Amino acid sequence: MRSLVVYESMFGNTELVARAIAEGLSPFAEVEISNVDNAPGDLNGGVDLLVIGGPTHAHGMSRKATRADAARQVNGAVRSRRRGIREWLEEFSCTPAGIAVFDTRVKAASWLVGSAARGAAKLLRHNGIHLVTEPESFFVDGGSAPGELLTGELNRARGWGEKLGELMRAARSANAG
């Protein structure tokens, strides 16, 4: 099985989560990880599981203006510079066997702070794409920008990666039988 983890990260937290997810997936699949700036637009059917993640900005997926604001907060030192997952999702083609989405956001009710993962899931479902599991959020401290991941979130991300691997292995076994 081959997996691709595509992430958008402004301050580094989403990248750390993506790497932890990839680590959790690694016993189940060959895993490639890519910043959205470098992610391929055409997956050519070579990916069994696509995992997509980004930070929550202004209640959802980032936009050009919210990325510019994030860059101003850290004097331009952001990780994803050219595009976000919103733009990438509008461009990519080919549907892998499974897709999962995650985000990083402040730990508060999603109706209050929003969720990039829920926005990505809605966009994918609108295009007829089924997710292998519900969107997942990983939490950062909201006290200051850029905020840090809360204690235990990287372990939780590894565990989520393992869960994804197990789901894909079970699906593959069911299809083989």
N, C-alpha and C. Protein backbone atom coordinates (compact mmCIF):
# COMPACT_ATOMS: atom_id res chain seq x y z
N MET A 1 0.84 -1.17 0.00
CA MET A 1 0.00 0.00 0.00
C MET A 1 0.89 1.24 0.00
N ARG A 2 0.46 2.25 -0.74
CA ARG A 2 1.21 3.50 -0.81
C ARG A 2 0.33 4.64 -0.29
N SER A 3 0.89 5.46 0.59
CA SER A 3 0.16 6.60 1.16
C SER A 3 0.91 7.89 0.88
N LEU A 4 0.13 8.95 0.72
CA LEU A 4 0.68 10.29 0.55
C LEU A 4 0.02 11.19 1.58
N VAL A 5 0.84 11.88 2.36
CA VAL A 5 0.35 12.86 3.33
C VAL A 5 0.71 14.23 2.79
N VAL A 6 -0.31 15.03 2.48
CA VAL A 6 -0.11 16.39 1.97
C VAL A 6 -0.53 17.35 3.07
N TYR A 7 0.34 18.30 3.38
CA TYR A 7 0.02 19.24 4.45
C TYR A 7 0.31 20.67 4.02
N GLU A 8 -0.44 21.57 4.61
CA GLU A 8 -0.19 23.00 4.54
C GLU A 8 0.17 23.42 5.95
N SER A 9 1.24 24.19 6.11
CA SER A 9 1.64 24.59 7.45
C SER A 9 2.18 26.01 7.42
N MET A 10 1.70 26.81 8.31
CA MET A 10 2.19 28.18 8.40
C MET A 10 3.33 28.27 9.41
N PHE A 11 3.09 27.80 10.62
CA PHE A 11 4.04 27.98 11.71
C PHE A 11 4.80 26.71 12.07
N GLY A 12 4.48 25.59 11.43
CA GLY A 12 5.18 24.33 11.68
C GLY A 12 4.37 23.29 12.42
N ASN A 13 3.28 23.68 13.08
CA ASN A 13 2.50 22.71 13.85
C ASN A 13 1.84 21.66 12.97
N THR A 14 1.24 22.08 11.87
CA THR A 14 0.56 21.12 11.00
C THR A 14 1.58 20.19 10.36
N GLU A 15 2.76 20.69 10.05
CA GLU A 15 3.82 19.82 9.52
C GLU A 15 4.22 18.77 10.55
N LEU A 16 4.37 19.16 11.80
CA LEU A 16 4.71 18.19 12.85
C LEU A 16 3.64 17.11 12.98
N VAL A 17 2.37 17.52 12.92
CA VAL A 17 1.27 16.56 13.00
C VAL A 17 1.30 15.63 11.79
N ALA A 18 1.53 16.18 10.60
CA ALA A 18 1.59 15.37 9.38
C ALA A 18 2.70 14.33 9.48
N ARG A 19 3.85 14.73 10.00
CA ARG A 19 4.97 13.79 10.14
C ARG A 19 4.64 12.69 11.17
N ALA A 20 3.93 13.05 12.24
CA ALA A 20 3.53 12.05 13.23
C ALA A 20 2.51 11.08 12.64
N ILE A 21 1.58 11.58 11.84
CA ILE A 21 0.61 10.71 11.16
C ILE A 21 1.34 9.75 10.23
N ALA A 22 2.29 10.28 9.47
CA ALA A 22 3.08 9.45 8.55
C ALA A 22 3.83 8.37 9.32
N GLU A 23 4.36 8.72 10.48
CA GLU A 23 5.06 7.74 11.32
C GLU A 23 4.11 6.62 11.76
N GLY A 24 2.89 7.00 12.14
CA GLY A 24 1.89 6.00 12.54
C GLY A 24 1.47 5.10 11.38
N LEU A 25 1.44 5.65 10.18
CA LEU A 25 1.07 4.90 8.98
C LEU A 25 2.18 3.98 8.49
N SER A 26 3.42 4.30 8.80
CA SER A 26 4.57 3.62 8.19
C SER A 26 4.61 2.10 8.37
N PRO A 27 4.10 1.51 9.45
CA PRO A 27 4.10 0.04 9.50
C PRO A 27 3.13 -0.61 8.50
N PHE A 28 2.20 0.17 7.97
CA PHE A 28 1.15 -0.35 7.11
C PHE A 28 1.37 -0.04 5.63
N ALA A 29 2.22 0.95 5.35
CA ALA A 29 2.33 1.42 3.97
C ALA A 29 3.65 2.13 3.74
N GLU A 30 3.98 2.23 2.47
CA GLU A 30 5.07 3.11 2.06
C GLU A 30 4.46 4.51 2.12
N VAL A 31 5.08 5.42 2.87
CA VAL A 31 4.50 6.73 3.09
C VAL A 31 5.40 7.83 2.53
N GLU A 32 4.80 8.69 1.76
CA GLU A 32 5.47 9.89 1.26
C GLU A 32 4.76 11.08 1.90
N ILE A 33 5.53 12.09 2.25
CA ILE A 33 4.95 13.29 2.85
C ILE A 33 5.35 14.48 2.00
N SER A 34 4.41 15.42 1.80
CA SER A 34 4.68 16.54 0.92
C SER A 34 4.01 17.81 1.41
N ASN A 35 4.78 18.89 1.43
CA ASN A 35 4.22 20.21 1.64
C ASN A 35 3.31 20.47 0.44
N VAL A 36 2.17 21.09 0.67
CA VAL A 36 1.21 21.36 -0.41
C VAL A 36 1.86 22.13 -1.56
N ASP A 37 2.87 22.94 -1.26
CA ASP A 37 3.56 23.69 -2.32
C ASP A 37 4.19 22.76 -3.35
N ASN A 38 4.60 21.57 -2.93
CA ASN A 38 5.29 20.62 -3.82
C ASN A 38 4.46 19.39 -4.15
N ALA A 39 3.24 19.32 -3.67
CA ALA A 39 2.41 18.13 -3.86
C ALA A 39 2.01 17.99 -5.32
N PRO A 40 2.04 16.76 -5.82
CA PRO A 40 1.63 16.53 -7.20
C PRO A 40 0.14 16.80 -7.39
N GLY A 41 -0.23 17.34 -8.52
CA GLY A 41 -1.64 17.59 -8.82
C GLY A 41 -2.33 16.36 -9.37
N ASP A 42 -1.58 15.49 -10.03
CA ASP A 42 -2.13 14.27 -10.60
C ASP A 42 -1.48 13.10 -9.89
N LEU A 43 -2.28 12.32 -9.20
CA LEU A 43 -1.75 11.21 -8.42
C LEU A 43 -1.59 9.94 -9.25
N ASN A 44 -2.05 9.93 -10.49
CA ASN A 44 -1.84 8.82 -11.43
C ASN A 44 -2.21 7.46 -10.88
N GLY A 45 -3.14 7.39 -9.96
CA GLY A 45 -3.57 6.10 -9.44
C GLY A 45 -2.54 5.39 -8.58
N GLY A 46 -1.42 6.04 -8.28
CA GLY A 46 -0.36 5.38 -7.53
C GLY A 46 -0.47 5.53 -6.03
N VAL A 47 -1.56 6.08 -5.54
CA VAL A 47 -1.72 6.30 -4.11
C VAL A 47 -2.98 5.58 -3.63
N ASP A 48 -2.82 4.76 -2.59
CA ASP A 48 -3.96 4.05 -2.01
C ASP A 48 -4.67 4.88 -0.95
N LEU A 49 -3.90 5.63 -0.18
CA LEU A 49 -4.47 6.47 0.88
C LEU A 49 -3.86 7.85 0.77
N LEU A 50 -4.72 8.85 0.66
CA LEU A 50 -4.31 10.25 0.64
C LEU A 50 -4.78 10.88 1.94
N VAL A 51 -3.85 11.48 2.67
CA VAL A 51 -4.18 12.17 3.92
C VAL A 51 -3.85 13.64 3.69
N ILE A 52 -4.81 14.51 3.95
CA ILE A 52 -4.67 15.94 3.66
C ILE A 52 -4.91 16.73 4.94
N GLY A 53 -4.01 17.68 5.24
CA GLY A 53 -4.19 18.47 6.44
C GLY A 53 -3.73 19.90 6.30
N GLY A 54 -4.36 20.76 7.07
CA GLY A 54 -3.98 22.17 7.07
C GLY A 54 -4.43 22.87 8.33
N PRO A 55 -3.93 24.07 8.53
CA PRO A 55 -4.32 24.85 9.71
C PRO A 55 -5.69 25.49 9.50
N THR A 56 -6.40 25.70 10.59
CA THR A 56 -7.67 26.40 10.53
C THR A 56 -7.40 27.90 10.61
N HIS A 57 -7.89 28.61 9.61
CA HIS A 57 -7.76 30.07 9.55
C HIS A 57 -9.15 30.66 9.38
N ALA A 58 -9.51 31.60 10.19
CA ALA A 58 -10.79 32.31 10.04
C ALA A 58 -11.94 31.32 9.83
N HIS A 59 -12.02 30.31 10.67
CA HIS A 59 -13.10 29.32 10.71
C HIS A 59 -13.05 28.24 9.63
N GLY A 60 -12.01 28.18 8.82
CA GLY A 60 -11.97 27.14 7.79
C GLY A 60 -10.59 27.01 7.18
N MET A 61 -10.57 26.51 5.93
CA MET A 61 -9.31 26.37 5.21
C MET A 61 -8.75 27.76 4.93
N SER A 62 -7.43 27.83 4.86
CA SER A 62 -6.81 29.13 4.63
C SER A 62 -7.18 29.68 3.25
N ARG A 63 -7.02 30.96 3.12
CA ARG A 63 -7.18 31.68 1.85
C ARG A 63 -5.92 32.52 1.67
N LYS A 64 -5.76 33.06 0.50
CA LYS A 64 -4.58 33.88 0.23
C LYS A 64 -4.41 34.98 1.29
N ALA A 65 -5.49 35.66 1.65
CA ALA A 65 -5.42 36.76 2.63
C ALA A 65 -5.06 36.26 4.02
N THR A 66 -5.59 35.11 4.43
CA THR A 66 -5.27 34.62 5.78
C THR A 66 -3.84 34.10 5.85
N ARG A 67 -3.34 33.56 4.72
CA ARG A 67 -1.94 33.13 4.69
C ARG A 67 -1.01 34.33 4.75
N ALA A 68 -1.38 35.41 4.09
CA ALA A 68 -0.58 36.64 4.14
C ALA A 68 -0.56 37.19 5.56
N ASP A 69 -1.69 37.13 6.24
CA ASP A 69 -1.75 37.60 7.63
C ASP A 69 -0.87 36.74 8.53
N ALA A 70 -0.90 35.41 8.32
CA ALA A 70 -0.04 34.51 9.11
C ALA A 70 1.43 34.83 8.86
N ALA A 71 1.79 35.09 7.63
CA ALA A 71 3.18 35.41 7.29
C ALA A 71 3.62 36.70 7.99
N ARG A 72 2.72 37.67 8.07
CA ARG A 72 3.06 38.93 8.76
C ARG A 72 3.32 38.69 10.25
N GLN A 73 2.62 37.73 10.84
CA GLN A 73 2.78 37.46 12.26
C GLN A 73 4.16 36.92 12.60
N VAL A 74 4.81 36.28 11.62
CA VAL A 74 6.13 35.68 11.87
C VAL A 74 7.17 36.21 10.87
N ASN A 75 7.00 37.44 10.45
CA ASN A 75 7.94 38.09 9.53
C ASN A 75 8.26 37.25 8.29
N GLY A 76 7.23 36.64 7.73
CA GLY A 76 7.38 35.89 6.49
C GLY A 76 7.89 34.48 6.63
N ALA A 77 8.20 34.03 7.84
CA ALA A 77 8.79 32.70 8.05
C ALA A 77 7.71 31.63 8.16
N VAL A 78 6.96 31.41 7.06
CA VAL A 78 5.94 30.38 7.04
C VAL A 78 6.43 29.18 6.23
N ARG A 79 5.83 28.02 6.45
CA ARG A 79 6.27 26.79 5.79
C ARG A 79 5.67 26.62 4.39
N SER A 80 4.37 26.85 4.24
CA SER A 80 3.70 26.74 2.94
C SER A 80 3.54 28.15 2.40
N ARG A 81 4.07 28.39 1.23
CA ARG A 81 4.12 29.77 0.72
C ARG A 81 3.25 30.03 -0.51
N ARG A 82 3.14 29.07 -1.42
CA ARG A 82 2.49 29.34 -2.70
C ARG A 82 0.99 29.12 -2.72
N ARG A 83 0.53 28.09 -2.03
CA ARG A 83 -0.89 27.75 -2.07
C ARG A 83 -1.27 27.00 -0.81
N GLY A 84 -2.56 26.85 -0.61
CA GLY A 84 -3.07 26.09 0.53
C GLY A 84 -3.78 24.84 0.07
N ILE A 85 -4.30 24.09 1.03
CA ILE A 85 -5.00 22.86 0.67
C ILE A 85 -6.28 23.15 -0.11
N ARG A 86 -6.91 24.29 0.13
CA ARG A 86 -8.11 24.66 -0.62
C ARG A 86 -7.80 24.67 -2.12
N GLU A 87 -6.74 25.38 -2.49
CA GLU A 87 -6.38 25.49 -3.91
C GLU A 87 -5.94 24.13 -4.46
N TRP A 88 -5.18 23.39 -3.68
CA TRP A 88 -4.70 22.09 -4.13
C TRP A 88 -5.87 21.14 -4.37
N LEU A 89 -6.84 21.13 -3.46
CA LEU A 89 -8.00 20.26 -3.63
C LEU A 89 -8.79 20.60 -4.89
N GLU A 90 -8.79 21.86 -5.26
CA GLU A 90 -9.50 22.27 -6.48
C GLU A 90 -8.74 21.85 -7.74
N GLU A 91 -7.45 21.55 -7.61
CA GLU A 91 -6.62 21.20 -8.76
C GLU A 91 -6.36 19.71 -8.91
N PHE A 92 -6.32 18.96 -7.81
CA PHE A 92 -5.84 17.59 -7.91
C PHE A 92 -6.83 16.69 -8.63
N SER A 93 -6.29 15.67 -9.26
CA SER A 93 -7.14 14.70 -9.96
C SER A 93 -6.72 13.29 -9.55
N CYS A 94 -7.57 12.35 -9.83
CA CYS A 94 -7.38 10.94 -9.51
C CYS A 94 -7.84 10.70 -8.07
N THR A 95 -8.66 9.71 -7.91
CA THR A 95 -9.19 9.41 -6.59
C THR A 95 -8.55 8.16 -6.03
N PRO A 96 -7.80 8.28 -4.95
CA PRO A 96 -7.23 7.10 -4.31
C PRO A 96 -8.33 6.25 -3.67
N ALA A 97 -7.97 5.05 -3.25
CA ALA A 97 -8.93 4.17 -2.59
C ALA A 97 -9.46 4.80 -1.31
N GLY A 98 -8.65 5.58 -0.63
CA GLY A 98 -9.08 6.20 0.61
C GLY A 98 -8.53 7.60 0.77
N ILE A 99 -9.34 8.46 1.39
CA ILE A 99 -8.91 9.83 1.70
C ILE A 99 -9.32 10.14 3.13
N ALA A 100 -8.42 10.81 3.85
CA ALA A 100 -8.70 11.27 5.21
C ALA A 100 -8.20 12.71 5.33
N VAL A 101 -8.84 13.49 6.18
CA VAL A 101 -8.46 14.89 6.35
C VAL A 101 -8.29 15.24 7.82
N PHE A 102 -7.37 16.17 8.08
CA PHE A 102 -7.13 16.63 9.44
C PHE A 102 -6.81 18.12 9.41
N ASP A 103 -6.87 18.72 10.59
CA ASP A 103 -6.45 20.11 10.71
C ASP A 103 -5.78 20.33 12.06
N THR A 104 -5.22 21.51 12.19
CA THR A 104 -4.78 22.01 13.49
C THR A 104 -5.64 23.23 13.78
N ARG A 105 -6.03 23.37 15.03
CA ARG A 105 -6.87 24.50 15.43
C ARG A 105 -6.80 24.68 16.93
N VAL A 106 -7.30 25.81 17.37
CA VAL A 106 -7.39 26.10 18.79
C VAL A 106 -8.41 25.14 19.40
N LYS A 107 -8.12 24.68 20.62
CA LYS A 107 -9.03 23.75 21.28
C LYS A 107 -10.21 24.52 21.86
N ALA A 108 -11.28 24.49 21.11
CA ALA A 108 -12.56 25.08 21.50
C ALA A 108 -13.60 24.41 20.62
N ALA A 109 -14.85 24.62 20.92
CA ALA A 109 -15.92 24.03 20.11
C ALA A 109 -15.74 24.42 18.64
N SER A 110 -15.88 23.44 17.76
CA SER A 110 -15.65 23.72 16.33
C SER A 110 -16.62 24.76 15.80
N TRP A 111 -17.82 24.85 16.36
CA TRP A 111 -18.75 25.87 15.89
C TRP A 111 -18.25 27.27 16.24
N LEU A 112 -17.37 27.35 17.21
CA LEU A 112 -16.83 28.64 17.63
C LEU A 112 -15.58 29.03 16.83
N VAL A 113 -14.68 28.09 16.61
CA VAL A 113 -13.41 28.41 15.94
C VAL A 113 -13.33 27.90 14.51
N GLY A 114 -14.26 27.03 14.13
CA GLY A 114 -14.23 26.47 12.79
C GLY A 114 -13.27 25.30 12.69
N SER A 115 -13.18 24.74 11.48
CA SER A 115 -12.33 23.57 11.25
C SER A 115 -11.99 23.47 9.77
N ALA A 116 -10.71 23.57 9.46
CA ALA A 116 -10.26 23.40 8.08
C ALA A 116 -10.57 21.98 7.60
N ALA A 117 -10.46 21.00 8.47
CA ALA A 117 -10.73 19.61 8.08
C ALA A 117 -12.18 19.42 7.69
N ARG A 118 -13.08 20.01 8.42
CA ARG A 118 -14.50 19.89 8.07
C ARG A 118 -14.78 20.57 6.73
N GLY A 119 -14.13 21.70 6.48
CA GLY A 119 -14.28 22.38 5.19
C GLY A 119 -13.74 21.54 4.05
N ALA A 120 -12.58 20.91 4.26
CA ALA A 120 -12.00 20.05 3.23
C ALA A 120 -12.91 18.84 2.98
N ALA A 121 -13.44 18.26 4.06
CA ALA A 121 -14.33 17.11 3.92
C ALA A 121 -15.58 17.50 3.13
N LYS A 122 -16.11 18.66 3.42
CA LYS A 122 -17.32 19.12 2.72
C LYS A 122 -17.03 19.29 1.22
N LEU A 123 -15.89 19.88 0.90
CA LEU A 123 -15.51 20.07 -0.50
C LEU A 123 -15.35 18.72 -1.20
N LEU A 124 -14.68 17.79 -0.54
CA LEU A 124 -14.47 16.46 -1.12
C LEU A 124 -15.80 15.73 -1.32
N ARG A 125 -16.65 15.76 -0.31
CA ARG A 125 -17.95 15.08 -0.41
C ARG A 125 -18.80 15.70 -1.51
N HIS A 126 -18.73 17.01 -1.65
CA HIS A 126 -19.46 17.71 -2.72
C HIS A 126 -19.03 17.19 -4.09
N ASN A 127 -17.77 16.77 -4.19
CA ASN A 127 -17.25 16.23 -5.44
C ASN A 127 -17.39 14.71 -5.53
N GLY A 128 -18.20 14.14 -4.62
CA GLY A 128 -18.49 12.71 -4.68
C GLY A 128 -17.43 11.81 -4.09
N ILE A 129 -16.53 12.36 -3.30
CA ILE A 129 -15.44 11.58 -2.72
C ILE A 129 -15.79 11.20 -1.29
N HIS A 130 -15.69 9.91 -1.00
CA HIS A 130 -16.00 9.37 0.32
C HIS A 130 -14.72 9.34 1.18
N LEU A 131 -14.83 9.75 2.42
CA LEU A 131 -13.70 9.71 3.35
C LEU A 131 -13.70 8.38 4.11
N VAL A 132 -12.51 7.90 4.45
CA VAL A 132 -12.41 6.63 5.19
C VAL A 132 -12.75 6.78 6.65
N THR A 133 -12.71 8.01 7.16
CA THR A 133 -13.06 8.28 8.55
C THR A 133 -13.45 9.75 8.67
N GLU A 134 -14.02 10.10 9.78
CA GLU A 134 -14.41 11.49 10.01
C GLU A 134 -13.17 12.39 10.10
N PRO A 135 -13.32 13.67 9.75
CA PRO A 135 -12.20 14.62 9.89
C PRO A 135 -11.69 14.65 11.33
N GLU A 136 -10.39 14.86 11.47
CA GLU A 136 -9.76 14.89 12.79
C GLU A 136 -9.09 16.23 13.01
N SER A 137 -9.18 16.74 14.24
CA SER A 137 -8.51 17.99 14.62
C SER A 137 -7.45 17.71 15.67
N PHE A 138 -6.33 18.42 15.54
CA PHE A 138 -5.25 18.39 16.52
C PHE A 138 -5.10 19.81 17.03
N PHE A 139 -4.84 19.94 18.33
CA PHE A 139 -5.04 21.23 18.99
C PHE A 139 -3.77 21.97 19.34
N VAL A 140 -3.85 23.29 19.18
CA VAL A 140 -2.77 24.21 19.53
C VAL A 140 -3.26 25.16 20.61
N ASP A 141 -2.31 25.71 21.33
CA ASP A 141 -2.59 26.72 22.35
C ASP A 141 -3.04 27.99 21.65
N GLY A 142 -4.15 28.51 22.07
CA GLY A 142 -4.68 29.72 21.42
C GLY A 142 -4.29 31.00 22.11
N GLY A 143 -3.40 30.92 23.09
CA GLY A 143 -3.04 32.09 23.86
C GLY A 143 -2.22 33.12 23.09
N SER A 144 -1.46 32.67 22.11
CA SER A 144 -0.64 33.60 21.34
C SER A 144 -0.35 33.00 19.97
N ALA A 145 -0.03 33.85 19.03
CA ALA A 145 0.37 33.36 17.71
C ALA A 145 1.89 33.29 17.70
N PRO A 146 2.49 32.25 17.24
CA PRO A 146 1.87 31.18 16.50
C PRO A 146 1.31 30.03 17.32
N GLY A 147 1.35 30.03 18.58
CA GLY A 147 0.79 28.93 19.37
C GLY A 147 1.58 27.65 19.21
N GLU A 148 1.50 26.78 20.19
CA GLU A 148 2.21 25.50 20.15
C GLU A 148 1.21 24.37 20.29
N LEU A 149 1.58 23.21 19.77
CA LEU A 149 0.73 22.03 19.93
C LEU A 149 0.57 21.71 21.41
N LEU A 150 -0.62 21.33 21.79
CA LEU A 150 -0.86 20.93 23.17
C LEU A 150 -0.15 19.60 23.45
N THR A 151 0.18 19.39 24.70
CA THR A 151 0.84 18.16 25.13
C THR A 151 0.01 16.94 24.72
N GLY A 152 0.67 15.97 24.14
CA GLY A 152 0.01 14.72 23.76
C GLY A 152 -0.54 14.69 22.35
N GLU A 153 -0.56 15.83 21.67
CA GLU A 153 -1.16 15.85 20.33
C GLU A 153 -0.34 15.07 19.30
N LEU A 154 0.98 15.08 19.40
CA LEU A 154 1.77 14.31 18.44
C LEU A 154 1.57 12.81 18.65
N ASN A 155 1.43 12.38 19.89
CA ASN A 155 1.13 10.97 20.16
C ASN A 155 -0.25 10.61 19.61
N ARG A 156 -1.19 11.51 19.79
CA ARG A 156 -2.54 11.28 19.26
C ARG A 156 -2.52 11.21 17.73
N ALA A 157 -1.68 12.05 17.10
CA ALA A 157 -1.54 12.03 15.64
C ALA A 157 -0.95 10.70 15.16
N ARG A 158 0.08 10.20 15.86
CA ARG A 158 0.65 8.90 15.52
C ARG A 158 -0.42 7.81 15.61
N GLY A 159 -1.20 7.87 16.67
CA GLY A 159 -2.28 6.90 16.86
C GLY A 159 -3.32 6.98 15.76
N TRP A 160 -3.62 8.19 15.31
CA TRP A 160 -4.59 8.37 14.22
C TRP A 160 -4.01 7.78 12.93
N GLY A 161 -2.72 7.98 12.70
CA GLY A 161 -2.05 7.38 11.54
C GLY A 161 -2.15 5.87 11.58
N GLU A 162 -1.95 5.28 12.76
CA GLU A 162 -2.08 3.83 12.91
C GLU A 162 -3.51 3.38 12.60
N LYS A 163 -4.48 4.14 13.11
CA LYS A 163 -5.89 3.82 12.85
C LYS A 163 -6.17 3.84 11.35
N LEU A 164 -5.65 4.84 10.65
CA LEU A 164 -5.84 4.92 9.20
C LEU A 164 -5.23 3.70 8.50
N GLY A 165 -4.03 3.33 8.93
CA GLY A 165 -3.38 2.15 8.36
C GLY A 165 -4.21 0.89 8.58
N GLU A 166 -4.75 0.74 9.77
CA GLU A 166 -5.58 -0.42 10.08
C GLU A 166 -6.86 -0.42 9.26
N LEU A 167 -7.47 0.75 9.09
CA LEU A 167 -8.69 0.85 8.26
C LEU A 167 -8.41 0.44 6.82
N MET A 168 -7.30 0.91 6.28
CA MET A 168 -6.96 0.59 4.90
C MET A 168 -6.61 -0.89 4.76
N ARG A 169 -5.91 -1.45 5.75
CA ARG A 169 -5.58 -2.88 5.70
C ARG A 169 -6.86 -3.72 5.75
N ALA A 170 -7.81 -3.34 6.60
CA ALA A 170 -9.07 -4.07 6.69
C ALA A 170 -9.85 -3.95 5.38
N ALA A 171 -9.87 -2.78 4.78
CA ALA A 171 -10.57 -2.58 3.51
C ALA A 171 -9.94 -3.41 2.41
N ARG A 172 -8.63 -3.44 2.40
CA ARG A 172 -7.90 -4.22 1.38
C ARG A 172 -8.20 -5.72 1.56
N SER A 173 -8.22 -6.20 2.81
CA SER A 173 -8.52 -7.60 3.08
C SER A 173 -9.94 -7.94 2.66
N ALA A 174 -10.89 -7.05 2.94
CA ALA A 174 -12.29 -7.27 2.57
C ALA A 174 -12.44 -7.32 1.05
N ASN A 175 -11.70 -6.49 0.35
CA ASN A 175 -11.79 -6.48 -1.12
C ASN A 175 -11.11 -7.69 -1.74
N ALA A 176 -10.10 -8.23 -1.06
CA ALA A 176 -9.39 -9.39 -1.57
C ALA A 176 -10.19 -10.69 -1.36
N GLY A 177 -11.05 -10.68 -0.35
CA GLY A 177 -11.80 -11.89 0.01
C GLY A 177 -13.07 -12.01 -0.68
